[in-house]
Amino acid sequence: PNLSPFNAWVVHKGLETLDLRARRQSENALAVGRALEGRVPRILHPGLESHPQYALAQKQMKMCGPIFSFFFDGGREQAMAFLNALELVDISNNIGDARSLCCHPATTTHAGVSAEARAEMGVEDGMLRINIGLEDPIDLIADMEQALTRVGL
């Protein structure tokens, strides 16, 4: 199949700013990850020194991308309460957008996977996955902080 001329033009226009958007989202994600570190029980962002493969990520990547995971000790209940407390970040399992989106993988992207298989993959009930977008990182951090406060962290 071929793209229509209009759709090809739209894709081309998007590619012109892809590098700028990817860099900004990666920078924003690192800022948000740093703000969450120490506020949540565990965070998996390869740009943070706390990540088990931080040294490898630093060798292989210039930037670590906009997507990372973080965990709550209160399981699904606390994770869902956090999602519901977000005001700026949208709840969606369609990660990869230019806007910030957060999802609960155990009940969305991995819902069809057995609990045992999810455990092997590291997908826990208290885990959230977030795609950080192009919004101002100060606004994103403020939204995360107010949501954390509302769930008792």
C-alpha atoms as a PDB file:
ATOM      1  CA  PRO A   1       0.000   0.000   0.000  1.00  0.00           C
ATOM      2  CA  ASN A   2       1.047   3.560  -0.667  1.00  0.00           C
ATOM      3  CA  LEU A   3       0.384   6.727   1.269  1.00  0.00           C
ATOM      4  CA  SER A   4      -1.772   9.343  -0.326  1.00  0.00           C
ATOM      5  CA  PRO A   5       0.119  12.524  -1.266  1.00  0.00           C
ATOM      6  CA  PHE A   6      -1.522  14.394   1.627  1.00  0.00           C
ATOM      7  CA  ASN A   7      -0.657  11.703   4.206  1.00  0.00           C
ATOM      8  CA  ALA A   8       2.921  11.584   2.894  1.00  0.00           C
ATOM      9  CA  TRP A   9       3.140  15.374   3.319  1.00  0.00           C
ATOM     10  CA  VAL A  10       1.800  15.133   6.900  1.00  0.00           C
ATOM     11  CA  VAL A  11       4.379  12.459   7.772  1.00  0.00           C
ATOM     12  CA  HIS A  12       7.135  14.539   6.185  1.00  0.00           C
ATOM     13  CA  LYS A  13       6.111  17.638   8.149  1.00  0.00           C
ATOM     14  CA  GLY A  14       6.169  15.624  11.370  1.00  0.00           C
ATOM     15  CA  LEU A  15       9.639  14.279  10.633  1.00  0.00           C
ATOM     16  CA  GLU A  16      11.002  17.816  10.328  1.00  0.00           C
ATOM     17  CA  THR A  17      10.596  18.374  14.082  1.00  0.00           C
ATOM     18  CA  LEU A  18      10.991  14.795  15.342  1.00  0.00           C
ATOM     19  CA  ASP A  19      14.499  15.377  16.704  1.00  0.00           C
ATOM     20  CA  LEU A  20      13.422  18.490  18.624  1.00  0.00           C
ATOM     21  CA  ARG A  21      10.366  16.749  20.079  1.00  0.00           C
ATOM     22  CA  ALA A  22      12.305  13.613  21.037  1.00  0.00           C
ATOM     23  CA  ARG A  23      15.014  15.654  22.767  1.00  0.00           C
ATOM     24  CA  ARG A  24      12.511  17.791  24.665  1.00  0.00           C
ATOM     25  CA  GLN A  25      10.483  14.780  25.797  1.00  0.00           C
ATOM     26  CA  SER A  26      13.649  12.990  26.962  1.00  0.00           C
ATOM     27  CA  GLU A  27      14.804  16.061  28.891  1.00  0.00           C
ATOM     28  CA  ASN A  28      11.352  16.443  30.453  1.00  0.00           C
ATOM     29  CA  ALA A  29      11.254  12.749  31.403  1.00  0.00           C
ATOM     30  CA  LEU A  30      14.606  12.985  33.157  1.00  0.00           C
ATOM     31  CA  ALA A  31      13.449  16.064  35.092  1.00  0.00           C
ATOM     32  CA  VAL A  32      10.211  14.347  36.135  1.00  0.00           C
ATOM     33  CA  GLY A  33      12.077  11.132  36.983  1.00  0.00           C
ATOM     34  CA  ARG A  34      14.483  13.044  39.211  1.00  0.00           C
ATOM     35  CA  ALA A  35      11.549  14.717  40.958  1.00  0.00           C
ATOM     36  CA  LEU A  36       9.811  11.366  41.547  1.00  0.00           C
ATOM     37  CA  GLU A  37      12.961   9.639  42.782  1.00  0.00           C
ATOM     38  CA  GLY A  38      12.757   9.405  46.541  1.00  0.00           C
ATOM     39  CA  ARG A  39       9.018  10.190  46.507  1.00  0.00           C
ATOM     40  CA  VAL A  40       7.981   6.788  45.126  1.00  0.00           C
ATOM     41  CA  PRO A  41       9.258   3.466  46.467  1.00  0.00           C
ATOM     42  CA  ARG A  42      10.909   2.515  43.160  1.00  0.00           C
ATOM     43  CA  ILE A  43      11.463   4.060  39.749  1.00  0.00           C
ATOM     44  CA  LEU A  44      12.920   2.534  36.596  1.00  0.00           C
ATOM     45  CA  HIS A  45      14.337   5.271  34.374  1.00  0.00           C
ATOM     46  CA  PRO A  46      17.620   4.432  32.609  1.00  0.00           C
ATOM     47  CA  GLY A  47      18.761   8.064  32.913  1.00  0.00           C
ATOM     48  CA  LEU A  48      18.792   7.895  36.708  1.00  0.00           C
ATOM     49  CA  GLU A  49      21.838   6.574  38.550  1.00  0.00           C
ATOM     50  CA  SER A  50      19.531   4.357  40.605  1.00  0.00           C
ATOM     51  CA  HIS A  51      18.646   2.313  37.508  1.00  0.00           C
ATOM     52  CA  PRO A  52      20.384  -1.106  37.534  1.00  0.00           C
ATOM     53  CA  GLN A  53      21.680  -0.577  33.981  1.00  0.00           C
ATOM     54  CA  TYR A  54      22.481   3.138  34.211  1.00  0.00           C
ATOM     55  CA  ALA A  55      26.125   2.699  33.148  1.00  0.00           C
ATOM     56  CA  LEU A  56      25.116   0.684  30.083  1.00  0.00           C
ATOM     57  CA  ALA A  57      22.440   3.229  29.150  1.00  0.00           C
ATOM     58  CA  GLN A  58      25.007   6.025  29.374  1.00  0.00           C
ATOM     59  CA  LYS A  59      27.308   4.144  26.983  1.00  0.00           C
ATOM     60  CA  GLN A  60      24.583   3.300  24.476  1.00  0.00           C
ATOM     61  CA  MET A  61      22.296   6.354  24.437  1.00  0.00           C
ATOM     62  CA  LYS A  62      22.573  10.106  24.225  1.00  0.00           C
ATOM     63  CA  MET A  63      19.144  10.431  25.823  1.00  0.00           C
ATOM     64  CA  CYS A  64      16.943   7.866  27.563  1.00  0.00           C
ATOM     65  CA  GLY A  65      13.575   8.627  26.006  1.00  0.00           C
ATOM     66  CA  PRO A  66      10.231   9.742  27.412  1.00  0.00           C
ATOM     67  CA  ILE A  67       8.926   6.473  28.877  1.00  0.00           C
ATOM     68  CA  PHE A  68       9.649   5.048  32.317  1.00  0.00           C
ATOM     69  CA  SER A  69       7.963   3.102  35.105  1.00  0.00           C
ATOM     70  CA  PHE A  70       7.467   3.713  38.794  1.00  0.00           C
ATOM     71  CA  PHE A  71       5.968   1.651  41.581  1.00  0.00           C
ATOM     72  CA  PHE A  72       3.748   1.999  44.624  1.00  0.00           C
ATOM     73  CA  ASP A  73       3.912  -0.283  47.672  1.00  0.00           C
ATOM     74  CA  GLY A  74       0.131   0.026  48.040  1.00  0.00           C
ATOM     75  CA  GLY A  75      -0.427  -2.083  44.918  1.00  0.00           C
ATOM     76  CA  ARG A  76      -3.201  -1.593  42.424  1.00  0.00           C
ATOM     77  CA  GLU A  77      -5.344   0.471  44.799  1.00  0.00           C
ATOM     78  CA  GLN A  78      -2.666   3.099  45.395  1.00  0.00           C
ATOM     79  CA  ALA A  79      -1.590   3.126  41.731  1.00  0.00           C
ATOM     80  CA  MET A  80      -5.178   3.693  40.600  1.00  0.00           C
ATOM     81  CA  ALA A  81      -5.683   6.407  43.214  1.00  0.00           C
ATOM     82  CA  PHE A  82      -2.582   8.157  41.864  1.00  0.00           C
ATOM     83  CA  LEU A  83      -3.889   7.901  38.282  1.00  0.00           C
ATOM     84  CA  ASN A  84      -7.244   9.330  39.343  1.00  0.00           C
ATOM     85  CA  ALA A  85      -5.526  12.201  41.175  1.00  0.00           C
ATOM     86  CA  LEU A  86      -3.621  13.372  38.084  1.00  0.00           C
ATOM     87  CA  GLU A  87      -4.948  16.595  36.609  1.00  0.00           C
ATOM     88  CA  LEU A  88      -2.579  17.417  33.730  1.00  0.00           C
ATOM     89  CA  VAL A  89      -1.372  13.956  32.752  1.00  0.00           C
ATOM     90  CA  ASP A  90      -3.977  11.895  30.895  1.00  0.00           C
ATOM     91  CA  ILE A  91      -4.710   8.231  31.578  1.00  0.00           C
ATOM     92  CA  SER A  92      -4.148   6.227  28.405  1.00  0.00           C
ATOM     93  CA  ASN A  93      -2.382   3.048  27.367  1.00  0.00           C
ATOM     94  CA  ASN A  94      -1.466   4.649  24.047  1.00  0.00           C
ATOM     95  CA  ILE A  95       2.017   5.703  25.063  1.00  0.00           C
ATOM     96  CA  GLY A  96       4.218   7.436  22.513  1.00  0.00           C
ATOM     97  CA  ASP A  97       2.270  10.689  22.144  1.00  0.00           C
ATOM     98  CA  ALA A  98       3.593  14.255  22.324  1.00  0.00           C
ATOM     99  CA  ARG A  99       1.516  14.751  25.479  1.00  0.00           C
ATOM    100  CA  SER A 100       2.018  13.123  28.836  1.00  0.00           C
ATOM    101  CA  LEU A 101       0.119   9.875  29.306  1.00  0.00           C
ATOM    102  CA  CYS A 102       0.142   7.354  32.143  1.00  0.00           C
ATOM    103  CA  CYS A 103      -1.195   3.810  32.327  1.00  0.00           C
ATOM    104  CA  HIS A 104      -1.529   0.854  34.650  1.00  0.00           C
ATOM    105  CA  PRO A 105       0.018  -1.992  32.596  1.00  0.00           C
ATOM    106  CA  ALA A 106      -1.360  -4.828  34.750  1.00  0.00           C
ATOM    107  CA  THR A 107      -4.934  -3.862  33.810  1.00  0.00           C
ATOM    108  CA  THR A 108      -4.347  -2.494  30.307  1.00  0.00           C
ATOM    109  CA  THR A 109      -1.429  -3.522  28.092  1.00  0.00           C
ATOM    110  CA  HIS A 110      -0.728  -6.727  30.052  1.00  0.00           C
ATOM    111  CA  ALA A 111      -4.276  -7.564  31.180  1.00  0.00           C
ATOM    112  CA  GLY A 112      -4.373 -10.686  29.017  1.00  0.00           C
ATOM    113  CA  VAL A 113      -1.167 -12.045  30.524  1.00  0.00           C
ATOM    114  CA  SER A 114      -1.319 -14.381  33.508  1.00  0.00           C
ATOM    115  CA  ALA A 115      -0.301 -13.048  36.920  1.00  0.00           C
ATOM    116  CA  GLU A 116       2.686 -15.430  36.920  1.00  0.00           C
ATOM    117  CA  ALA A 117       3.895 -14.203  33.512  1.00  0.00           C
ATOM    118  CA  ARG A 118       3.412 -10.566  34.558  1.00  0.00           C
ATOM    119  CA  ALA A 119       5.501 -11.253  37.674  1.00  0.00           C
ATOM    120  CA  GLU A 120       8.274 -12.725  35.525  1.00  0.00           C
ATOM    121  CA  MET A 121       8.175  -9.585  33.337  1.00  0.00           C
ATOM    122  CA  GLY A 122       8.276  -7.284  36.359  1.00  0.00           C
ATOM    123  CA  VAL A 123       4.778  -5.941  35.706  1.00  0.00           C
ATOM    124  CA  GLU A 124       3.455  -5.491  39.229  1.00  0.00           C
ATOM    125  CA  ASP A 125       0.022  -4.352  40.421  1.00  0.00           C
ATOM    126  CA  GLY A 126       1.591  -1.219  41.915  1.00  0.00           C
ATOM    127  CA  MET A 127       3.431  -0.302  38.704  1.00  0.00           C
ATOM    128  CA  LEU A 128       2.583   2.640  36.458  1.00  0.00           C
ATOM    129  CA  ARG A 129       4.159   3.440  33.109  1.00  0.00           C
ATOM    130  CA  ILE A 130       4.359   7.024  31.938  1.00  0.00           C
ATOM    131  CA  ASN A 131       5.135   8.740  28.662  1.00  0.00           C
ATOM    132  CA  ILE A 132       6.330  12.274  29.331  1.00  0.00           C
ATOM    133  CA  GLY A 133       5.275  14.774  26.707  1.00  0.00           C
ATOM    134  CA  LEU A 134       6.127  18.297  25.630  1.00  0.00           C
ATOM    135  CA  GLU A 135       4.403  20.116  28.482  1.00  0.00           C
ATOM    136  CA  ASP A 136       6.471  22.318  30.772  1.00  0.00           C
ATOM    137  CA  PRO A 137       8.291  19.976  33.190  1.00  0.00           C
ATOM    138  CA  ILE A 138       7.492  22.319  36.094  1.00  0.00           C
ATOM    139  CA  ASP A 139       3.770  21.771  35.441  1.00  0.00           C
ATOM    140  CA  LEU A 140       4.236  18.011  35.108  1.00  0.00           C
ATOM    141  CA  ILE A 141       6.207  17.800  38.349  1.00  0.00           C
ATOM    142  CA  ALA A 142       3.561  19.890  40.149  1.00  0.00           C
ATOM    143  CA  ASP A 143       0.865  17.509  38.912  1.00  0.00           C
ATOM    144  CA  MET A 144       2.839  14.472  40.060  1.00  0.00           C
ATOM    145  CA  GLU A 145       3.535  16.038  43.453  1.00  0.00           C
ATOM    146  CA  GLN A 146      -0.110  16.895  44.119  1.00  0.00           C
ATOM    147  CA  ALA A 147      -1.146  13.358  43.080  1.00  0.00           C
ATOM    148  CA  LEU A 148       1.512  11.831  45.343  1.00  0.00           C
ATOM    149  CA  THR A 149       0.313  13.943  48.243  1.00  0.00           C
ATOM    150  CA  ARG A 150      -3.257  12.805  47.632  1.00  0.00           C
ATOM    151  CA  VAL A 151      -2.195   9.126  47.837  1.00  0.00           C
ATOM    152  CA  GLY A 152      -0.206   9.670  51.015  1.00  0.00           C
ATOM    153  CA  LEU A 153       3.348   9.965  49.682  1.00  0.00           C
END
